[in-house]
Structures are given as C-alpha cells and as structure tokens.
Amino acid sequence: MLARRNFGCGSSREHAPWAIEDYGFRAIIAPSFADIFFSNCYKNGVLPVVLTAASVDKLFAECFAREGYKLEIDLLSQTVITPSGESFDFEITPHRKHCLMNGLDEIGLTLQHADAIKAFEAMHRLAQPWLFA
C-alpha cells in the first residue's frame, strides 16, 4: 500500500493494522507514520516502510501511469524495487526485521524461551511452595 505522510494518525488501536492485513496488504510505504500505528504494524506482522516524500511521490506517479503496477519489497536487503528495477533502501531495526522474517509476535518471542520459563516456574514452586497450596 502506498500512503502519504503521518499515515495511521488517529489509529492507535491494533484494529487498524489488522484491517489492513485482512485486505491483503503486508506492507505500507509512506514518508512517515503515526507512532502508535507504526509500532502496532510491527506487532501484527505488517511492514511499515519509510521512504522520502519525493520517493513516495515518484512511486505514486508510476502507479497512476501504469495499470497493474506492483512493487516488490525485499525485507532481507531492505529495499523497495519498482517494475523497472529502480530500488529504494529503507531502515528497520535488527530486532523488528528478525521478528518479521520469522513470523514472531510478542507471544512467539516469549515462547522461544518456554524451557527457561518452565524451569523457573519449577524452581519457584520448590522455593516457595506455600504460594501454590
């Protein structure tokens, strides 16, 4: 999805990224995003890509000029690629990239430590049995 600046303003609930994903969008390209919306996108597996306003204007112009226009987003190389082969780089933190590449939400990240959590719970139960009576 292509969007303009401050996309997601007023959409602080997670329902906004859910709806966008329900419509089949896995990424949104815009010059800027509302902060809470931006975070909620990552938490729900939607990639918010920040490009310059000039780059987004160029993509909009190409999109309007060509029916069936499709962009490719390569998360691994952090690039947006046009049908003509032009590419635009974007930034993403290593943690967010890891989560998106591996389909991990906050629960998935926690479950990666399930064995350590179980071991802690067992030790806690032994150390303070009166809490579990």
N, C-alpha and C. Protein backbone atom coordinates (compact mmCIF):
# COMPACT_ATOMS: atom_id res chain seq x y z
N MET A 1 0.84 -1.16 0.00
CA MET A 1 0.00 0.00 0.00
C MET A 1 0.90 1.23 0.00
N LEU A 2 0.55 2.20 -0.83
CA LEU A 2 1.24 3.49 -0.82
C LEU A 2 0.38 4.48 -0.05
N ALA A 3 1.00 5.31 0.75
CA ALA A 3 0.26 6.28 1.55
C ALA A 3 1.07 7.56 1.66
N ARG A 4 0.42 8.57 2.18
CA ARG A 4 1.07 9.87 2.38
C ARG A 4 1.55 10.01 3.83
N ARG A 5 2.06 11.17 4.15
CA ARG A 5 2.71 11.40 5.45
C ARG A 5 1.75 11.23 6.63
N ASN A 6 2.32 10.84 7.75
CA ASN A 6 1.62 10.64 9.01
C ASN A 6 0.51 9.60 8.89
N PHE A 7 0.75 8.57 8.09
CA PHE A 7 -0.26 7.55 7.90
C PHE A 7 -0.55 6.85 9.22
N GLY A 8 -1.81 6.58 9.47
CA GLY A 8 -2.23 5.90 10.69
C GLY A 8 -2.57 6.84 11.82
N CYS A 9 -2.50 8.15 11.59
CA CYS A 9 -2.83 9.11 12.63
C CYS A 9 -4.28 8.90 13.06
N GLY A 10 -4.49 8.77 14.37
CA GLY A 10 -5.82 8.53 14.90
C GLY A 10 -6.16 7.06 15.00
N SER A 11 -5.23 6.20 14.60
CA SER A 11 -5.47 4.75 14.64
C SER A 11 -4.55 4.10 15.66
N SER A 12 -4.81 4.37 16.94
CA SER A 12 -3.91 3.85 17.97
C SER A 12 -4.21 2.41 18.35
N ARG A 13 -5.34 1.89 17.95
CA ARG A 13 -5.67 0.51 18.29
C ARG A 13 -5.10 -0.45 17.26
N GLU A 14 -4.93 -1.68 17.67
CA GLU A 14 -4.37 -2.68 16.77
C GLU A 14 -5.33 -3.06 15.65
N HIS A 15 -6.57 -2.61 15.73
CA HIS A 15 -7.54 -2.96 14.70
C HIS A 15 -7.16 -2.40 13.33
N ALA A 16 -6.47 -1.27 13.31
CA ALA A 16 -6.09 -0.67 12.03
C ALA A 16 -5.13 -1.58 11.24
N PRO A 17 -4.01 -2.04 11.83
CA PRO A 17 -3.16 -2.97 11.08
C PRO A 17 -3.85 -4.29 10.77
N TRP A 18 -4.75 -4.74 11.69
CA TRP A 18 -5.50 -5.97 11.41
C TRP A 18 -6.32 -5.80 10.15
N ALA A 19 -7.02 -4.69 10.03
CA ALA A 19 -7.87 -4.45 8.86
C ALA A 19 -7.04 -4.36 7.59
N ILE A 20 -5.91 -3.69 7.68
CA ILE A 20 -5.04 -3.56 6.51
C ILE A 20 -4.54 -4.93 6.07
N GLU A 21 -4.14 -5.75 7.02
CA GLU A 21 -3.69 -7.11 6.68
C GLU A 21 -4.85 -7.94 6.14
N ASP A 22 -6.04 -7.79 6.72
CA ASP A 22 -7.22 -8.52 6.23
C ASP A 22 -7.50 -8.21 4.76
N TYR A 23 -7.17 -7.01 4.32
CA TYR A 23 -7.35 -6.65 2.91
C TYR A 23 -6.20 -7.15 2.03
N GLY A 24 -5.23 -7.82 2.63
CA GLY A 24 -4.16 -8.44 1.86
C GLY A 24 -2.87 -7.66 1.79
N PHE A 25 -2.80 -6.54 2.46
CA PHE A 25 -1.58 -5.75 2.45
C PHE A 25 -0.63 -6.27 3.52
N ARG A 26 0.62 -6.49 3.14
CA ARG A 26 1.63 -6.96 4.08
C ARG A 26 2.63 -5.85 4.40
N ALA A 27 2.54 -4.74 3.63
CA ALA A 27 3.45 -3.61 3.85
C ALA A 27 2.76 -2.31 3.45
N ILE A 28 3.21 -1.22 4.08
CA ILE A 28 2.72 0.11 3.77
C ILE A 28 3.94 1.00 3.56
N ILE A 29 3.94 1.74 2.48
CA ILE A 29 5.04 2.65 2.18
C ILE A 29 4.51 4.07 2.32
N ALA A 30 5.19 4.88 3.14
CA ALA A 30 4.79 6.27 3.36
C ALA A 30 6.00 7.08 3.81
N PRO A 31 5.91 8.40 3.71
CA PRO A 31 7.02 9.23 4.21
C PRO A 31 7.12 9.26 5.73
N SER A 32 5.99 9.04 6.42
CA SER A 32 6.00 9.00 7.88
C SER A 32 4.74 8.30 8.36
N PHE A 33 4.79 7.86 9.61
CA PHE A 33 3.67 7.15 10.22
C PHE A 33 3.40 7.71 11.60
N ALA A 34 2.16 7.61 12.05
CA ALA A 34 1.85 7.92 13.44
C ALA A 34 2.57 6.88 14.30
N ASP A 35 3.12 7.33 15.43
CA ASP A 35 3.99 6.47 16.25
C ASP A 35 3.32 5.18 16.72
N ILE A 36 2.14 5.27 17.31
CA ILE A 36 1.49 4.07 17.85
C ILE A 36 1.11 3.13 16.72
N PHE A 37 0.59 3.68 15.63
CA PHE A 37 0.24 2.87 14.48
C PHE A 37 1.48 2.14 13.95
N PHE A 38 2.60 2.85 13.87
CA PHE A 38 3.86 2.29 13.38
C PHE A 38 4.24 1.07 14.21
N SER A 39 4.20 1.19 15.53
CA SER A 39 4.54 0.07 16.42
C SER A 39 3.54 -1.07 16.28
N ASN A 40 2.27 -0.74 16.19
CA ASN A 40 1.25 -1.78 16.05
C ASN A 40 1.38 -2.55 14.75
N CYS A 41 1.87 -1.91 13.72
CA CYS A 41 2.11 -2.63 12.46
C CYS A 41 3.10 -3.77 12.70
N TYR A 42 4.23 -3.46 13.31
CA TYR A 42 5.23 -4.49 13.58
C TYR A 42 4.68 -5.59 14.47
N LYS A 43 3.91 -5.22 15.48
CA LYS A 43 3.35 -6.21 16.40
C LYS A 43 2.38 -7.16 15.70
N ASN A 44 1.88 -6.75 14.55
CA ASN A 44 0.89 -7.55 13.85
C ASN A 44 1.35 -8.03 12.48
N GLY A 45 2.66 -7.99 12.23
CA GLY A 45 3.22 -8.57 11.01
C GLY A 45 3.07 -7.74 9.76
N VAL A 46 2.80 -6.45 9.89
CA VAL A 46 2.72 -5.56 8.74
C VAL A 46 3.97 -4.69 8.74
N LEU A 47 4.64 -4.60 7.61
CA LEU A 47 5.88 -3.84 7.50
C LEU A 47 5.60 -2.40 7.10
N PRO A 48 5.88 -1.42 8.00
CA PRO A 48 5.77 -0.02 7.61
C PRO A 48 7.11 0.47 7.06
N VAL A 49 7.12 0.86 5.81
CA VAL A 49 8.35 1.28 5.14
C VAL A 49 8.35 2.81 5.03
N VAL A 50 9.38 3.43 5.57
CA VAL A 50 9.51 4.89 5.48
C VAL A 50 10.45 5.23 4.33
N LEU A 51 9.92 5.96 3.35
CA LEU A 51 10.72 6.49 2.26
C LEU A 51 10.53 8.01 2.24
N THR A 52 11.41 8.70 1.55
CA THR A 52 11.28 10.15 1.46
C THR A 52 9.99 10.51 0.72
N ALA A 53 9.50 11.72 0.98
CA ALA A 53 8.28 12.18 0.31
C ALA A 53 8.47 12.20 -1.20
N ALA A 54 9.66 12.58 -1.65
CA ALA A 54 9.95 12.60 -3.09
C ALA A 54 9.89 11.19 -3.68
N SER A 55 10.41 10.21 -2.97
CA SER A 55 10.36 8.82 -3.45
C SER A 55 8.93 8.32 -3.51
N VAL A 56 8.14 8.62 -2.48
CA VAL A 56 6.75 8.20 -2.47
C VAL A 56 5.98 8.89 -3.60
N ASP A 57 6.25 10.18 -3.83
CA ASP A 57 5.61 10.89 -4.96
C ASP A 57 5.92 10.20 -6.28
N LYS A 58 7.15 9.79 -6.46
CA LYS A 58 7.57 9.11 -7.68
C LYS A 58 6.83 7.77 -7.83
N LEU A 59 6.72 7.02 -6.74
CA LEU A 59 6.01 5.75 -6.78
C LEU A 59 4.53 5.95 -7.10
N PHE A 60 3.91 6.98 -6.52
CA PHE A 60 2.52 7.28 -6.83
C PHE A 60 2.35 7.62 -8.31
N ALA A 61 3.24 8.44 -8.84
CA ALA A 61 3.16 8.83 -10.26
C ALA A 61 3.26 7.60 -11.16
N GLU A 62 4.20 6.72 -10.85
CA GLU A 62 4.36 5.50 -11.65
C GLU A 62 3.13 4.60 -11.51
N CYS A 63 2.59 4.51 -10.31
CA CYS A 63 1.42 3.68 -10.05
C CYS A 63 0.22 4.18 -10.85
N PHE A 64 0.00 5.50 -10.87
CA PHE A 64 -1.12 6.07 -11.61
C PHE A 64 -0.93 5.93 -13.12
N ALA A 65 0.32 5.89 -13.58
CA ALA A 65 0.61 5.82 -15.01
C ALA A 65 0.54 4.41 -15.58
N ARG A 66 0.54 3.40 -14.71
CA ARG A 66 0.62 2.03 -15.21
C ARG A 66 -0.35 1.12 -14.48
N GLU A 67 -1.33 0.63 -15.20
CA GLU A 67 -2.29 -0.29 -14.60
C GLU A 67 -1.58 -1.59 -14.21
N GLY A 68 -1.93 -2.13 -13.07
CA GLY A 68 -1.31 -3.37 -12.61
C GLY A 68 0.07 -3.18 -12.02
N TYR A 69 0.41 -1.95 -11.71
CA TYR A 69 1.72 -1.63 -11.14
C TYR A 69 1.93 -2.38 -9.83
N LYS A 70 3.04 -3.05 -9.69
CA LYS A 70 3.35 -3.79 -8.47
C LYS A 70 4.78 -3.50 -8.04
N LEU A 71 4.92 -3.30 -6.76
CA LEU A 71 6.24 -3.12 -6.16
C LEU A 71 6.66 -4.40 -5.48
N GLU A 72 7.94 -4.61 -5.41
CA GLU A 72 8.49 -5.73 -4.66
C GLU A 72 9.22 -5.16 -3.46
N ILE A 73 9.00 -5.75 -2.32
CA ILE A 73 9.74 -5.33 -1.12
C ILE A 73 10.58 -6.51 -0.67
N ASP A 74 11.88 -6.30 -0.65
CA ASP A 74 12.82 -7.31 -0.21
C ASP A 74 13.26 -6.95 1.21
N LEU A 75 12.65 -7.62 2.18
CA LEU A 75 12.95 -7.32 3.58
C LEU A 75 14.39 -7.68 3.91
N LEU A 76 14.88 -8.77 3.36
CA LEU A 76 16.24 -9.20 3.66
C LEU A 76 17.26 -8.12 3.28
N SER A 77 17.10 -7.54 2.08
CA SER A 77 18.04 -6.49 1.64
C SER A 77 17.54 -5.09 1.97
N GLN A 78 16.34 -4.99 2.55
CA GLN A 78 15.74 -3.73 2.94
C GLN A 78 15.62 -2.76 1.77
N THR A 79 15.00 -3.26 0.70
CA THR A 79 14.81 -2.44 -0.49
C THR A 79 13.39 -2.58 -1.03
N VAL A 80 12.91 -1.50 -1.63
CA VAL A 80 11.67 -1.49 -2.40
C VAL A 80 12.10 -1.42 -3.86
N ILE A 81 11.58 -2.33 -4.68
CA ILE A 81 12.02 -2.43 -6.07
C ILE A 81 10.83 -2.19 -6.99
N THR A 82 11.00 -1.27 -7.94
CA THR A 82 9.95 -0.95 -8.90
C THR A 82 9.98 -1.94 -10.05
N PRO A 83 8.93 -1.99 -10.87
CA PRO A 83 8.94 -2.88 -12.03
C PRO A 83 10.09 -2.61 -13.00
N SER A 84 10.59 -1.36 -13.03
CA SER A 84 11.71 -1.03 -13.92
C SER A 84 13.06 -1.40 -13.31
N GLY A 85 13.06 -1.85 -12.05
CA GLY A 85 14.31 -2.26 -11.40
C GLY A 85 14.93 -1.21 -10.51
N GLU A 86 14.34 -0.02 -10.45
CA GLU A 86 14.85 1.01 -9.55
C GLU A 86 14.58 0.57 -8.12
N SER A 87 15.51 0.85 -7.23
CA SER A 87 15.31 0.42 -5.84
C SER A 87 15.49 1.59 -4.88
N PHE A 88 14.78 1.47 -3.77
CA PHE A 88 14.82 2.45 -2.69
C PHE A 88 15.13 1.70 -1.41
N ASP A 89 16.15 2.13 -0.69
CA ASP A 89 16.52 1.49 0.57
C ASP A 89 15.66 2.03 1.71
N PHE A 90 15.41 1.17 2.69
CA PHE A 90 14.70 1.60 3.89
C PHE A 90 15.37 1.01 5.12
N GLU A 91 15.12 1.63 6.27
CA GLU A 91 15.71 1.21 7.54
C GLU A 91 14.72 0.38 8.34
N ILE A 92 15.25 -0.56 9.10
CA ILE A 92 14.47 -1.35 10.05
C ILE A 92 15.44 -1.86 11.10
N THR A 93 14.99 -1.89 12.34
CA THR A 93 15.88 -2.37 13.40
C THR A 93 16.11 -3.87 13.23
N PRO A 94 17.27 -4.36 13.65
CA PRO A 94 17.53 -5.80 13.54
C PRO A 94 16.47 -6.65 14.26
N HIS A 95 16.01 -6.19 15.42
CA HIS A 95 15.00 -6.95 16.17
C HIS A 95 13.69 -7.05 15.38
N ARG A 96 13.23 -5.94 14.85
CA ARG A 96 11.97 -5.96 14.09
C ARG A 96 12.11 -6.79 12.82
N LYS A 97 13.25 -6.69 12.19
CA LYS A 97 13.50 -7.47 10.99
C LYS A 97 13.47 -8.96 11.32
N HIS A 98 14.12 -9.35 12.40
CA HIS A 98 14.14 -10.74 12.84
C HIS A 98 12.71 -11.24 13.08
N CYS A 99 11.93 -10.44 13.78
CA CYS A 99 10.54 -10.85 14.08
C CYS A 99 9.73 -11.03 12.80
N LEU A 100 9.82 -10.09 11.88
CA LEU A 100 9.06 -10.20 10.63
C LEU A 100 9.55 -11.37 9.78
N MET A 101 10.85 -11.54 9.72
CA MET A 101 11.41 -12.63 8.90
C MET A 101 11.01 -14.00 9.44
N ASN A 102 10.77 -14.07 10.75
CA ASN A 102 10.47 -15.35 11.39
C ASN A 102 9.02 -15.48 11.85
N GLY A 103 8.19 -14.49 11.48
CA GLY A 103 6.78 -14.55 11.83
C GLY A 103 6.52 -14.53 13.33
N LEU A 104 7.33 -13.79 14.06
CA LEU A 104 7.23 -13.76 15.52
C LEU A 104 6.51 -12.51 16.01
N ASP A 105 5.48 -12.71 16.81
CA ASP A 105 4.88 -11.60 17.54
C ASP A 105 5.41 -11.66 18.96
N GLU A 106 4.86 -10.84 19.86
CA GLU A 106 5.37 -10.82 21.24
C GLU A 106 5.19 -12.17 21.93
N ILE A 107 4.10 -12.85 21.65
CA ILE A 107 3.88 -14.17 22.25
C ILE A 107 4.88 -15.17 21.69
N GLY A 108 5.10 -15.12 20.40
CA GLY A 108 6.08 -16.02 19.78
C GLY A 108 7.48 -15.81 20.32
N LEU A 109 7.85 -14.56 20.55
CA LEU A 109 9.16 -14.27 21.14
C LEU A 109 9.27 -14.88 22.54
N THR A 110 8.20 -14.74 23.32
CA THR A 110 8.19 -15.30 24.67
C THR A 110 8.29 -16.81 24.63
N LEU A 111 7.55 -17.43 23.73
CA LEU A 111 7.55 -18.90 23.65
C LEU A 111 8.89 -19.48 23.21
N GLN A 112 9.75 -18.67 22.64
CA GLN A 112 11.09 -19.14 22.32
C GLN A 112 11.87 -19.49 23.59
N HIS A 113 11.41 -18.98 24.72
CA HIS A 113 12.06 -19.22 26.00
C HIS A 113 11.23 -20.13 26.89
N ALA A 114 10.38 -20.92 26.30
CA ALA A 114 9.44 -21.77 27.06
C ALA A 114 10.17 -22.69 28.04
N ASP A 115 11.27 -23.30 27.62
CA ASP A 115 12.00 -24.21 28.52
C ASP A 115 12.55 -23.46 29.74
N ALA A 116 13.10 -22.28 29.52
CA ALA A 116 13.63 -21.49 30.64
C ALA A 116 12.50 -21.04 31.56
N ILE A 117 11.36 -20.70 30.99
CA ILE A 117 10.20 -20.29 31.80
C ILE A 117 9.72 -21.46 32.65
N LYS A 118 9.62 -22.64 32.06
CA LYS A 118 9.19 -23.83 32.82
C LYS A 118 10.18 -24.15 33.94
N ALA A 119 11.46 -24.03 33.65
CA ALA A 119 12.48 -24.31 34.67
C ALA A 119 12.37 -23.31 35.82
N PHE A 120 12.16 -22.05 35.50
CA PHE A 120 11.99 -21.03 36.54
C PHE A 120 10.76 -21.32 37.38
N GLU A 121 9.65 -21.65 36.73
CA GLU A 121 8.42 -21.94 37.46
C GLU A 121 8.59 -23.14 38.40
N ALA A 122 9.28 -24.16 37.95
CA ALA A 122 9.51 -25.34 38.79
C ALA A 122 10.39 -24.97 39.99
N MET A 123 11.42 -24.18 39.77
CA MET A 123 12.30 -23.75 40.85
C MET A 123 11.53 -22.85 41.84
N HIS A 124 10.72 -21.98 41.32
CA HIS A 124 9.91 -21.08 42.15
C HIS A 124 8.92 -21.88 43.00
N ARG A 125 8.34 -22.88 42.43
CA ARG A 125 7.38 -23.75 43.15
C ARG A 125 8.08 -24.47 44.30
N LEU A 126 9.31 -24.92 44.07
CA LEU A 126 10.07 -25.61 45.13
C LEU A 126 10.52 -24.63 46.21
N ALA A 127 10.93 -23.44 45.81
CA ALA A 127 11.46 -22.46 46.75
C ALA A 127 10.36 -21.85 47.61
N GLN A 128 9.15 -21.73 47.09
CA GLN A 128 8.05 -21.09 47.83
C GLN A 128 6.76 -21.89 47.63
N PRO A 129 6.73 -23.10 48.18
CA PRO A 129 5.57 -23.98 47.95
C PRO A 129 4.27 -23.44 48.53
N TRP A 130 4.35 -22.62 49.58
CA TRP A 130 3.13 -22.08 50.20
C TRP A 130 2.33 -21.18 49.23
N LEU A 131 2.99 -20.67 48.20
CA LEU A 131 2.28 -19.85 47.21
C LEU A 131 1.40 -20.69 46.29
N PHE A 132 1.64 -21.97 46.26
CA PHE A 132 0.93 -22.83 45.32
C PHE A 132 0.02 -23.83 46.03
N ALA A 133 -0.21 -23.65 47.31
CA ALA A 133 -1.04 -24.58 48.08
C ALA A 133 -2.51 -24.33 47.86
